[in-house]
Structure formats: structure tokens, C-alpha cells
N, C-alpha and C. Protein backbone atom coordinates (compact mmCIF):
# COMPACT_ATOMS: atom_id res chain seq x y z
N MET A 1 73.25 19.21 89.24
CA MET A 1 73.86 18.64 90.52
C MET A 1 75.34 18.34 90.14
N ALA A 2 76.17 18.79 91.21
CA ALA A 2 77.68 18.52 91.02
C ALA A 2 78.06 16.97 90.84
N PRO A 3 78.90 16.70 90.16
CA PRO A 3 79.33 15.19 89.91
C PRO A 3 79.56 14.58 91.11
N GLU A 4 80.27 15.30 92.16
CA GLU A 4 80.53 14.44 93.43
C GLU A 4 79.28 14.29 94.22
N ARG A 5 78.32 15.24 94.12
CA ARG A 5 77.12 15.00 94.76
C ARG A 5 76.30 13.75 94.03
N ARG A 6 76.39 13.82 93.00
CA ARG A 6 75.65 12.72 92.04
C ARG A 6 76.23 11.34 92.55
N GLY A 7 77.53 11.25 92.73
CA GLY A 7 78.16 9.94 93.08
C GLY A 7 77.73 9.71 94.54
N ALA A 8 77.66 10.65 95.38
CA ALA A 8 77.15 10.36 96.73
C ALA A 8 75.70 9.77 96.81
N ASP A 9 74.84 10.38 95.99
CA ASP A 9 73.46 9.99 95.97
C ASP A 9 73.38 8.70 95.40
N ARG A 10 74.23 8.23 94.35
CA ARG A 10 74.41 6.93 93.79
C ARG A 10 74.76 5.90 94.79
N ASP A 11 75.82 6.28 95.67
CA ASP A 11 76.33 5.34 96.74
C ASP A 11 75.31 5.14 97.78
N GLU A 12 74.58 6.37 98.19
CA GLU A 12 73.54 6.11 99.21
C GLU A 12 72.23 5.23 98.68
N ALA A 13 71.91 5.33 97.45
CA ALA A 13 70.92 4.58 96.87
C ALA A 13 71.28 3.14 96.89
N VAL A 14 72.58 2.76 96.51
CA VAL A 14 72.99 1.47 96.51
C VAL A 14 73.13 0.82 97.86
N GLU A 15 73.69 1.60 98.76
CA GLU A 15 73.73 1.25 100.28
C GLU A 15 72.31 0.93 100.84
N ALA A 16 71.37 1.91 100.52
CA ALA A 16 69.98 1.59 101.10
C ALA A 16 69.47 0.42 100.45
N PHE A 17 69.52 0.17 99.27
CA PHE A 17 69.05 -0.99 98.52
C PHE A 17 69.61 -2.23 99.18
N HIS A 18 70.86 -2.24 99.31
CA HIS A 18 71.46 -3.61 99.91
C HIS A 18 71.00 -3.64 101.34
N ASP A 19 70.75 -2.53 102.07
CA ASP A 19 70.21 -2.91 103.41
C ASP A 19 68.84 -3.39 103.45
N ALA A 20 68.05 -2.99 102.59
CA ALA A 20 66.69 -3.37 102.52
C ALA A 20 66.51 -4.79 101.90
N VAL A 21 67.26 -5.10 100.85
CA VAL A 21 67.15 -6.41 100.35
C VAL A 21 68.09 -7.31 101.00
N ASP A 22 67.52 -8.14 101.81
CA ASP A 22 68.24 -9.12 102.65
C ASP A 22 68.29 -10.58 102.20
N MET A 23 67.83 -10.70 100.91
CA MET A 23 67.66 -12.12 100.30
C MET A 23 68.82 -12.02 99.20
N THR A 24 69.44 -13.20 99.17
CA THR A 24 70.54 -13.32 98.02
C THR A 24 69.77 -13.49 96.68
N ALA A 25 70.44 -13.16 95.56
CA ALA A 25 69.83 -13.39 94.14
C ALA A 25 69.36 -14.81 94.07
N GLY A 26 70.15 -15.70 94.44
CA GLY A 26 69.67 -17.19 94.30
C GLY A 26 68.48 -17.53 95.04
N ARG A 27 68.42 -17.09 96.44
CA ARG A 27 67.31 -17.25 97.20
C ARG A 27 65.98 -16.77 96.69
N LEU A 28 66.26 -15.24 96.18
CA LEU A 28 65.03 -14.63 95.66
C LEU A 28 64.71 -15.29 94.36
N ASP A 29 65.41 -15.78 93.45
CA ASP A 29 65.13 -16.37 92.47
C ASP A 29 64.24 -17.68 92.66
N GLU A 30 64.68 -18.49 93.64
CA GLU A 30 64.02 -19.69 94.12
C GLU A 30 62.76 -19.25 94.64
N TRP A 31 62.50 -18.18 95.44
CA TRP A 31 61.28 -17.93 96.02
C TRP A 31 60.28 -17.39 94.90
N LEU A 32 60.78 -16.87 93.87
CA LEU A 32 59.92 -16.21 92.81
C LEU A 32 59.24 -17.26 92.08
N ALA A 33 59.74 -18.56 92.13
CA ALA A 33 59.19 -19.83 91.28
C ALA A 33 58.22 -20.34 92.16
N THR A 34 57.91 -20.06 93.35
CA THR A 34 56.92 -20.63 94.20
C THR A 34 55.52 -20.16 93.98
N ASP A 35 54.48 -21.04 94.42
CA ASP A 35 53.12 -20.62 94.13
C ASP A 35 52.89 -19.55 95.19
N GLU A 36 53.37 -19.43 96.38
CA GLU A 36 53.10 -18.38 97.37
C GLU A 36 53.60 -17.07 96.86
N SER A 37 54.80 -17.10 96.17
CA SER A 37 55.28 -15.81 95.62
C SER A 37 54.41 -15.30 94.50
N LYS A 38 53.60 -16.24 93.81
CA LYS A 38 52.87 -15.88 92.63
C LYS A 38 51.42 -15.58 93.17
N SER A 39 51.26 -15.68 94.35
CA SER A 39 49.77 -15.70 94.84
C SER A 39 49.50 -14.27 95.34
N VAL A 40 50.54 -13.30 95.61
CA VAL A 40 50.41 -12.14 96.36
C VAL A 40 50.71 -10.90 95.26
N GLY A 41 50.06 -9.74 95.75
CA GLY A 41 50.47 -8.65 95.01
C GLY A 41 49.48 -7.98 94.11
N GLN A 42 49.57 -6.71 93.75
CA GLN A 42 48.60 -6.04 92.75
C GLN A 42 49.10 -6.46 91.52
N ARG A 43 47.99 -6.68 90.57
CA ARG A 43 48.10 -7.25 89.26
C ARG A 43 47.02 -6.62 88.32
N ASP A 44 47.39 -6.44 87.08
CA ASP A 44 46.54 -6.02 86.10
C ASP A 44 46.36 -7.14 85.27
N GLY A 45 45.99 -8.24 85.53
CA GLY A 45 45.72 -9.36 84.63
C GLY A 45 46.92 -10.32 84.55
N GLY A 46 48.16 -9.91 84.67
CA GLY A 46 49.21 -10.76 84.53
C GLY A 46 50.05 -10.90 85.81
N GLU A 47 51.32 -10.88 85.73
CA GLU A 47 52.12 -10.94 86.78
C GLU A 47 52.08 -9.71 87.65
N SER A 48 52.05 -9.85 88.98
CA SER A 48 52.00 -8.81 90.12
C SER A 48 53.18 -7.96 89.90
N VAL A 49 53.01 -6.63 90.44
CA VAL A 49 53.95 -5.69 90.37
C VAL A 49 55.27 -6.17 91.30
N GLY A 50 54.83 -6.72 92.35
CA GLY A 50 55.95 -7.17 93.29
C GLY A 50 56.80 -8.41 92.72
N HIS A 51 56.11 -9.22 92.01
CA HIS A 51 56.77 -10.33 91.29
C HIS A 51 57.68 -9.80 90.21
N ALA A 52 57.27 -8.94 89.48
CA ALA A 52 58.03 -8.34 88.47
C ALA A 52 59.33 -7.62 89.02
N SER A 53 59.09 -6.91 89.97
CA SER A 53 60.05 -6.17 90.82
C SER A 53 61.10 -7.25 91.36
N GLY A 54 60.62 -8.30 91.83
CA GLY A 54 61.60 -9.29 92.29
C GLY A 54 62.56 -9.87 91.38
N ARG A 55 61.96 -10.02 90.10
CA ARG A 55 62.81 -10.46 88.83
C ARG A 55 63.85 -9.28 88.57
N ARG A 56 63.49 -8.18 88.71
CA ARG A 56 64.40 -7.03 88.47
C ARG A 56 65.57 -6.94 89.45
N ILE A 57 65.01 -7.09 90.68
CA ILE A 57 66.01 -7.14 91.89
C ILE A 57 67.06 -8.22 91.63
N VAL A 58 66.69 -9.35 91.23
CA VAL A 58 67.73 -10.45 91.02
C VAL A 58 68.68 -9.93 89.99
N GLU A 59 68.25 -9.30 88.88
CA GLU A 59 69.18 -8.78 87.86
C GLU A 59 70.02 -7.59 88.57
N LEU A 60 69.48 -6.82 89.41
CA LEU A 60 70.30 -5.67 89.93
C LEU A 60 71.27 -6.30 91.01
N LEU A 61 71.04 -7.34 91.67
CA LEU A 61 71.89 -7.97 92.51
C LEU A 61 73.18 -8.49 91.64
N HIS A 62 72.93 -8.86 90.46
CA HIS A 62 74.06 -9.33 89.67
C HIS A 62 74.78 -8.25 88.92
N THR A 63 74.25 -7.06 88.92
CA THR A 63 74.86 -6.01 88.27
C THR A 63 75.94 -5.21 89.18
N LYS A 64 77.18 -5.03 88.42
CA LYS A 64 78.08 -4.19 89.01
C LYS A 64 77.79 -2.82 89.33
N LYS A 65 78.14 -2.27 90.49
CA LYS A 65 77.67 -0.93 90.86
C LYS A 65 78.06 0.02 89.65
N ALA A 66 79.19 -0.08 89.02
CA ALA A 66 79.61 0.84 88.02
C ALA A 66 78.75 0.73 86.79
N ASP A 67 78.12 -0.37 86.63
CA ASP A 67 77.19 -0.62 85.38
C ASP A 67 75.72 -0.22 85.67
N LEU A 68 75.39 0.26 86.93
CA LEU A 68 73.96 0.76 87.09
C LEU A 68 73.51 1.90 86.43
N THR A 69 72.42 1.87 85.88
CA THR A 69 71.90 2.90 85.03
C THR A 69 70.82 3.88 86.02
N ASP A 70 70.50 4.94 85.47
CA ASP A 70 69.77 5.77 86.33
C ASP A 70 68.32 5.11 86.58
N ASP A 71 67.80 4.31 85.67
CA ASP A 71 66.62 3.59 85.69
C ASP A 71 66.89 2.54 86.86
N ASP A 72 67.97 1.86 86.91
CA ASP A 72 68.42 0.96 87.95
C ASP A 72 68.29 1.59 89.25
N LEU A 73 68.98 2.69 89.38
CA LEU A 73 68.96 3.44 90.68
C LEU A 73 67.46 3.80 91.11
N ALA A 74 66.67 4.27 90.18
CA ALA A 74 65.37 4.65 90.59
C ALA A 74 64.60 3.49 90.93
N HIS A 75 64.84 2.22 90.40
CA HIS A 75 64.14 1.02 90.90
C HIS A 75 64.66 0.63 92.32
N MET A 76 65.79 0.80 92.42
CA MET A 76 66.44 0.39 93.79
C MET A 76 65.82 1.37 94.90
N ARG A 77 65.59 2.65 94.58
CA ARG A 77 64.90 3.57 95.45
C ARG A 77 63.46 3.21 95.67
N LYS A 78 62.85 2.76 94.55
CA LYS A 78 61.50 2.23 94.81
C LYS A 78 61.33 0.89 95.75
N VAL A 79 62.34 0.09 95.59
CA VAL A 79 62.28 -1.09 96.45
C VAL A 79 62.53 -0.64 97.91
N VAL A 80 63.50 0.23 98.20
CA VAL A 80 63.73 0.68 99.50
C VAL A 80 62.43 1.29 100.15
N GLY A 81 61.78 2.16 99.30
CA GLY A 81 60.57 2.79 99.79
C GLY A 81 59.55 1.74 100.16
N TYR A 82 59.40 0.85 99.21
CA TYR A 82 58.28 -0.24 99.53
C TYR A 82 58.55 -1.11 100.70
N VAL A 83 59.91 -1.33 100.94
CA VAL A 83 60.16 -2.26 102.07
C VAL A 83 59.93 -1.60 103.34
N HIS A 84 60.36 -0.30 103.48
CA HIS A 84 60.17 0.57 104.59
C HIS A 84 58.74 0.77 104.89
N ARG A 85 57.87 1.05 103.82
CA ARG A 85 56.51 1.30 104.08
C ARG A 85 55.82 0.00 104.59
N HIS A 86 56.07 -1.03 103.94
CA HIS A 86 55.36 -2.33 104.30
C HIS A 86 55.77 -2.79 105.58
N LEU A 87 57.10 -2.65 106.02
CA LEU A 87 57.49 -3.08 107.36
C LEU A 87 56.74 -2.32 108.38
N GLY A 88 56.32 -1.00 108.15
CA GLY A 88 55.49 -0.38 109.08
C GLY A 88 54.14 -0.89 109.23
N GLN A 89 53.57 -1.77 108.41
CA GLN A 89 52.37 -2.39 108.43
C GLN A 89 52.31 -3.82 108.90
N ARG A 90 53.44 -4.20 109.62
CA ARG A 90 53.50 -5.47 110.13
C ARG A 90 52.23 -5.91 110.95
N PRO A 91 51.68 -7.10 110.54
CA PRO A 91 50.47 -7.63 111.35
C PRO A 91 50.82 -8.10 112.72
N ASP A 92 50.01 -8.34 113.64
CA ASP A 92 50.28 -8.96 114.99
C ASP A 92 50.55 -10.51 114.67
N GLY A 93 51.19 -10.94 115.57
CA GLY A 93 51.38 -12.51 115.67
C GLY A 93 52.40 -12.99 114.78
N ASP A 94 52.42 -14.35 114.52
CA ASP A 94 53.41 -15.08 113.70
C ASP A 94 53.11 -14.59 112.37
N VAL A 95 54.14 -14.17 111.55
CA VAL A 95 54.00 -13.66 110.16
C VAL A 95 54.65 -14.70 109.20
N THR A 96 55.14 -15.79 109.69
CA THR A 96 55.84 -16.75 108.81
C THR A 96 55.04 -17.16 107.53
N GLU A 97 53.64 -17.42 107.64
CA GLU A 97 53.00 -17.71 106.42
C GLU A 97 51.95 -16.81 106.08
N THR A 98 52.29 -15.65 106.05
CA THR A 98 51.26 -14.57 105.60
C THR A 98 51.55 -13.82 104.35
N ARG A 99 50.48 -13.34 103.86
CA ARG A 99 50.56 -12.60 102.53
C ARG A 99 51.49 -11.39 102.72
N TRP A 100 51.52 -10.89 103.94
CA TRP A 100 52.41 -9.66 104.22
C TRP A 100 53.79 -10.08 104.07
N ARG A 101 54.23 -11.24 104.65
CA ARG A 101 55.57 -11.66 104.44
C ARG A 101 55.90 -12.00 102.92
N TYR A 102 54.96 -12.72 102.29
CA TYR A 102 55.23 -13.18 100.97
C TYR A 102 55.39 -12.00 100.00
N SER A 103 54.66 -10.88 100.21
CA SER A 103 54.72 -9.77 99.49
C SER A 103 56.12 -9.02 99.67
N LEU A 104 56.51 -8.86 100.93
CA LEU A 104 57.91 -8.40 101.26
C LEU A 104 58.96 -9.20 100.56
N MET A 105 58.87 -10.55 100.68
CA MET A 105 59.88 -11.36 100.06
C MET A 105 59.84 -11.18 98.51
N ASN A 106 58.82 -10.86 97.88
CA ASN A 106 58.88 -10.49 96.38
C ASN A 106 59.78 -9.42 96.05
N TRP A 107 59.76 -8.61 97.12
CA TRP A 107 60.70 -7.40 97.05
C TRP A 107 61.95 -7.46 97.50
N GLY A 108 62.41 -8.74 97.84
CA GLY A 108 63.77 -9.16 98.34
C GLY A 108 64.02 -8.99 99.66
N HIS A 109 62.99 -8.75 100.71
CA HIS A 109 63.12 -8.70 102.00
C HIS A 109 62.41 -9.80 102.76
N ASP A 110 63.02 -10.57 103.54
CA ASP A 110 62.42 -11.60 104.37
C ASP A 110 62.38 -11.12 105.84
N PRO A 111 61.24 -10.65 106.35
CA PRO A 111 61.14 -10.12 107.59
C PRO A 111 61.34 -11.19 108.80
N VAL A 112 61.46 -12.44 108.48
CA VAL A 112 61.69 -13.44 109.50
C VAL A 112 63.12 -13.86 109.47
N LYS A 113 64.00 -13.35 108.58
CA LYS A 113 65.26 -13.78 108.45
C LYS A 113 66.06 -13.26 109.68
């Protein structure tokens, strides 16, 4: 891939990530400490996938664009995909206190914001 295309792909991934993640690093960090945050998501014995992703998102939000690695960009794309898929599964009614919302918030997106 040409260097200029690689740069454009990088910029697109970063922009899509910041569009999908609407919580600040501080707010997300506070959320991840709650019982509600820890109560949702797929887990294989320990921390859920979404909760671990949330911790990584906090780190990414503190990382300068120039310092992002290919692994960071891959995780940013994963976050965007998750948020878009999950938003398409919105349940009917008030979602304020639902596992659906809590799961999205673990991935940095608050659908009632």
C-alpha cells in the first residue's frame, strides 16, 4: 500500500473511532469502576471482553495520533465495528438502565448521551 493511502486509512480509522466513542477518558474510567459495568459482557472466567476493551479505549484516548501503533488502529476499528453492530440491536423502550446500554458504555459509547 502506498504511504499516502496508509496515512489516509490511519486518519479514517482515528476519525471513525472518535465518532463512535462519545465518552471522555475520565467518564469511561469512572464507568468501568461501577458494578453495572462489570456485570455485562462475554467473559471466560475473568474480566469481560468489553470491560477489557474499555480499559484499552481509555489508553487510546490518551495516546497521541502520531504514537498509535498498528495494533492500536486495529483495536480502534474493532471498537467502531462493535458500536455500529450493537446500535443496530437497540431494544424498544427506555434503554437507560439496560444491559444493552451498559455493554455499549463499556466500549466507550453512551447511547443516551
